[in-house]
Amino acid sequence: SHPASERALEDQPSSASPLQPGLLEEKRRAVLLEQAIRKLPERQATAITLVHLQGFTGEEAAQVMGTSQEALESLLARARRSLKASLLLAGVEARRGGE
């Protein structure tokens, strides 16, 4: 008889099971994006993180960063350009909803 913990492990999907189509690519994109964000200048990385990863509004992010919304938009634009270039160099195509 197997202890309950071993049975629970046996009930889990095998690590050798095939990944859902696209899951590996999504993980790769996430890792590359994280690496690209870390290479950005600190204020650009902060702006991208607050707005796109943590869901802050532009106004909220500007307040947190102690800057104007116009300056925040400029930081975001520069960060997006840098991220797009980094990801294209890494072979990741830009994706947007509806395109």
C-alpha atoms as a PDB file:
ATOM      1  CA  SER A   1       0.000   0.000   0.000  1.00  0.00           C
ATOM      2  CA  HIS A   2       1.290   3.450  -0.934  1.00  0.00           C
ATOM      3  CA  PRO A   3       1.231   6.289   1.570  1.00  0.00           C
ATOM      4  CA  ALA A   4      -1.259   9.051   0.704  1.00  0.00           C
ATOM      5  CA  SER A   5       1.542  11.433  -0.339  1.00  0.00           C
ATOM      6  CA  GLU A   6       2.829   8.961  -2.939  1.00  0.00           C
ATOM      7  CA  ARG A   7      -0.682   8.392  -4.305  1.00  0.00           C
ATOM      8  CA  ALA A   8      -1.158  12.151  -4.587  1.00  0.00           C
ATOM      9  CA  LEU A   9       2.050  12.361  -6.611  1.00  0.00           C
ATOM     10  CA  GLU A  10       0.925   9.522  -8.850  1.00  0.00           C
ATOM     11  CA  ASP A  11      -2.332  11.387  -9.546  1.00  0.00           C
ATOM     12  CA  GLN A  12      -0.429  14.420 -10.837  1.00  0.00           C
ATOM     13  CA  PRO A  13       0.140  14.713 -14.583  1.00  0.00           C
ATOM     14  CA  SER A  14       3.478  13.318 -15.664  1.00  0.00           C
ATOM     15  CA  SER A  15       6.185  15.896 -16.304  1.00  0.00           C
ATOM     16  CA  ALA A  16       6.770  14.044 -19.572  1.00  0.00           C
ATOM     17  CA  SER A  17       3.207  14.742 -20.757  1.00  0.00           C
ATOM     18  CA  PRO A  18       3.020  16.885 -23.879  1.00  0.00           C
ATOM     19  CA  LEU A  19       2.648  20.606 -23.249  1.00  0.00           C
ATOM     20  CA  GLN A  20      -0.405  22.372 -24.535  1.00  0.00           C
ATOM     21  CA  PRO A  21       0.320  23.933 -27.922  1.00  0.00           C
ATOM     22  CA  GLY A  22       1.846  27.357 -27.442  1.00  0.00           C
ATOM     23  CA  LEU A  23       2.464  26.996 -23.706  1.00  0.00           C
ATOM     24  CA  LEU A  24       6.218  26.624 -24.146  1.00  0.00           C
ATOM     25  CA  GLU A  25       6.300  29.622 -26.494  1.00  0.00           C
ATOM     26  CA  GLU A  26       4.349  31.721 -23.971  1.00  0.00           C
ATOM     27  CA  LYS A  27       6.834  30.787 -21.234  1.00  0.00           C
ATOM     28  CA  ARG A  28       9.738  31.677 -23.531  1.00  0.00           C
ATOM     29  CA  ARG A  29       8.155  35.058 -24.334  1.00  0.00           C
ATOM     30  CA  ALA A  30       7.606  35.777 -20.635  1.00  0.00           C
ATOM     31  CA  VAL A  31      11.224  34.972 -19.779  1.00  0.00           C
ATOM     32  CA  LEU A  32      12.566  37.084 -22.647  1.00  0.00           C
ATOM     33  CA  LEU A  33      10.289  39.986 -21.682  1.00  0.00           C
ATOM     34  CA  GLU A  34      11.408  39.805 -18.060  1.00  0.00           C
ATOM     35  CA  GLN A  35      15.064  39.826 -19.157  1.00  0.00           C
ATOM     36  CA  ALA A  36      14.457  42.773 -21.508  1.00  0.00           C
ATOM     37  CA  ILE A  37      12.703  44.775 -18.759  1.00  0.00           C
ATOM     38  CA  ARG A  38      15.665  44.204 -16.427  1.00  0.00           C
ATOM     39  CA  LYS A  39      17.976  45.756 -19.048  1.00  0.00           C
ATOM     40  CA  LEU A  40      15.942  48.976 -19.277  1.00  0.00           C
ATOM     41  CA  PRO A  41      17.003  52.127 -17.430  1.00  0.00           C
ATOM     42  CA  GLU A  42      15.492  52.015 -13.933  1.00  0.00           C
ATOM     43  CA  ARG A  43      12.758  54.634 -14.470  1.00  0.00           C
ATOM     44  CA  GLN A  44      11.624  53.042 -17.740  1.00  0.00           C
ATOM     45  CA  ALA A  45      11.493  49.605 -16.099  1.00  0.00           C
ATOM     46  CA  THR A  46       9.514  51.041 -13.176  1.00  0.00           C
ATOM     47  CA  ALA A  47       7.029  52.747 -15.506  1.00  0.00           C
ATOM     48  CA  ILE A  48       6.473  49.571 -17.560  1.00  0.00           C
ATOM     49  CA  THR A  49       6.132  47.452 -14.432  1.00  0.00           C
ATOM     50  CA  LEU A  50       3.629  49.763 -12.762  1.00  0.00           C
ATOM     51  CA  VAL A  51       1.414  50.291 -15.815  1.00  0.00           C
ATOM     52  CA  HIS A  52       1.618  47.021 -17.725  1.00  0.00           C
ATOM     53  CA  LEU A  53       2.373  44.429 -15.069  1.00  0.00           C
ATOM     54  CA  GLN A  54       0.745  45.855 -11.942  1.00  0.00           C
ATOM     55  CA  GLY A  55      -2.228  47.560 -13.605  1.00  0.00           C
ATOM     56  CA  PHE A  56      -1.697  51.109 -12.358  1.00  0.00           C
ATOM     57  CA  THR A  57      -3.321  53.899 -14.348  1.00  0.00           C
ATOM     58  CA  GLY A  58      -1.017  56.491 -15.886  1.00  0.00           C
ATOM     59  CA  GLU A  59      -2.047  58.972 -13.223  1.00  0.00           C
ATOM     60  CA  GLU A  60      -1.375  56.501 -10.396  1.00  0.00           C
ATOM     61  CA  ALA A  61       1.993  55.460 -11.806  1.00  0.00           C
ATOM     62  CA  ALA A  62       3.045  59.096 -12.269  1.00  0.00           C
ATOM     63  CA  GLN A  63       2.151  59.823  -8.629  1.00  0.00           C
ATOM     64  CA  VAL A  64       4.072  56.784  -7.362  1.00  0.00           C
ATOM     65  CA  MET A  65       7.104  57.808  -9.421  1.00  0.00           C
ATOM     66  CA  GLY A  66       6.838  61.486  -8.432  1.00  0.00           C
ATOM     67  CA  THR A  67       6.617  62.663 -12.042  1.00  0.00           C
ATOM     68  CA  SER A  68       4.091  64.169 -14.440  1.00  0.00           C
ATOM     69  CA  GLN A  69       1.840  62.050 -16.644  1.00  0.00           C
ATOM     70  CA  GLU A  70       3.588  63.542 -19.679  1.00  0.00           C
ATOM     71  CA  ALA A  71       6.979  62.411 -18.368  1.00  0.00           C
ATOM     72  CA  LEU A  72       5.514  58.984 -17.589  1.00  0.00           C
ATOM     73  CA  GLU A  73       4.157  58.659 -21.143  1.00  0.00           C
ATOM     74  CA  SER A  74       7.592  59.556 -22.491  1.00  0.00           C
ATOM     75  CA  LEU A  75       9.220  56.900 -20.276  1.00  0.00           C
ATOM     76  CA  LEU A  76       6.657  54.331 -21.405  1.00  0.00           C
ATOM     77  CA  ALA A  77       7.158  55.168 -25.093  1.00  0.00           C
ATOM     78  CA  ARG A  78      10.942  54.832 -24.817  1.00  0.00           C
ATOM     79  CA  ALA A  79      10.617  51.614 -22.820  1.00  0.00           C
ATOM     80  CA  ARG A  80       8.183  50.100 -25.340  1.00  0.00           C
ATOM     81  CA  ARG A  81      10.532  50.923 -28.236  1.00  0.00           C
ATOM     82  CA  SER A  82      13.465  49.337 -26.407  1.00  0.00           C
ATOM     83  CA  LEU A  83      11.451  46.260 -25.446  1.00  0.00           C
ATOM     84  CA  LYS A  84      10.157  45.802 -28.984  1.00  0.00           C
ATOM     85  CA  ALA A  85      13.691  46.027 -30.384  1.00  0.00           C
ATOM     86  CA  SER A  86      15.049  43.609 -27.751  1.00  0.00           C
ATOM     87  CA  LEU A  87      12.293  41.079 -28.348  1.00  0.00           C
ATOM     88  CA  LEU A  88      12.618  41.309 -32.134  1.00  0.00           C
ATOM     89  CA  LEU A  89      16.356  40.652 -31.791  1.00  0.00           C
ATOM     90  CA  ALA A  90      15.476  37.614 -29.669  1.00  0.00           C
ATOM     91  CA  GLY A  91      13.168  36.366 -32.390  1.00  0.00           C
ATOM     92  CA  VAL A  92       9.879  37.122 -30.654  1.00  0.00           C
ATOM     93  CA  GLU A  93       7.301  38.760 -32.887  1.00  0.00           C
ATOM     94  CA  ALA A  94       5.258  41.587 -31.447  1.00  0.00           C
ATOM     95  CA  ARG A  95       1.681  40.628 -30.670  1.00  0.00           C
ATOM     96  CA  ARG A  96      -1.272  42.901 -30.205  1.00  0.00           C
ATOM     97  CA  GLY A  97      -4.881  42.079 -29.624  1.00  0.00           C
ATOM     98  CA  GLY A  98      -6.932  42.196 -32.821  1.00  0.00           C
ATOM     99  CA  GLU A  99      -3.992  42.227 -35.218  1.00  0.00           C
END
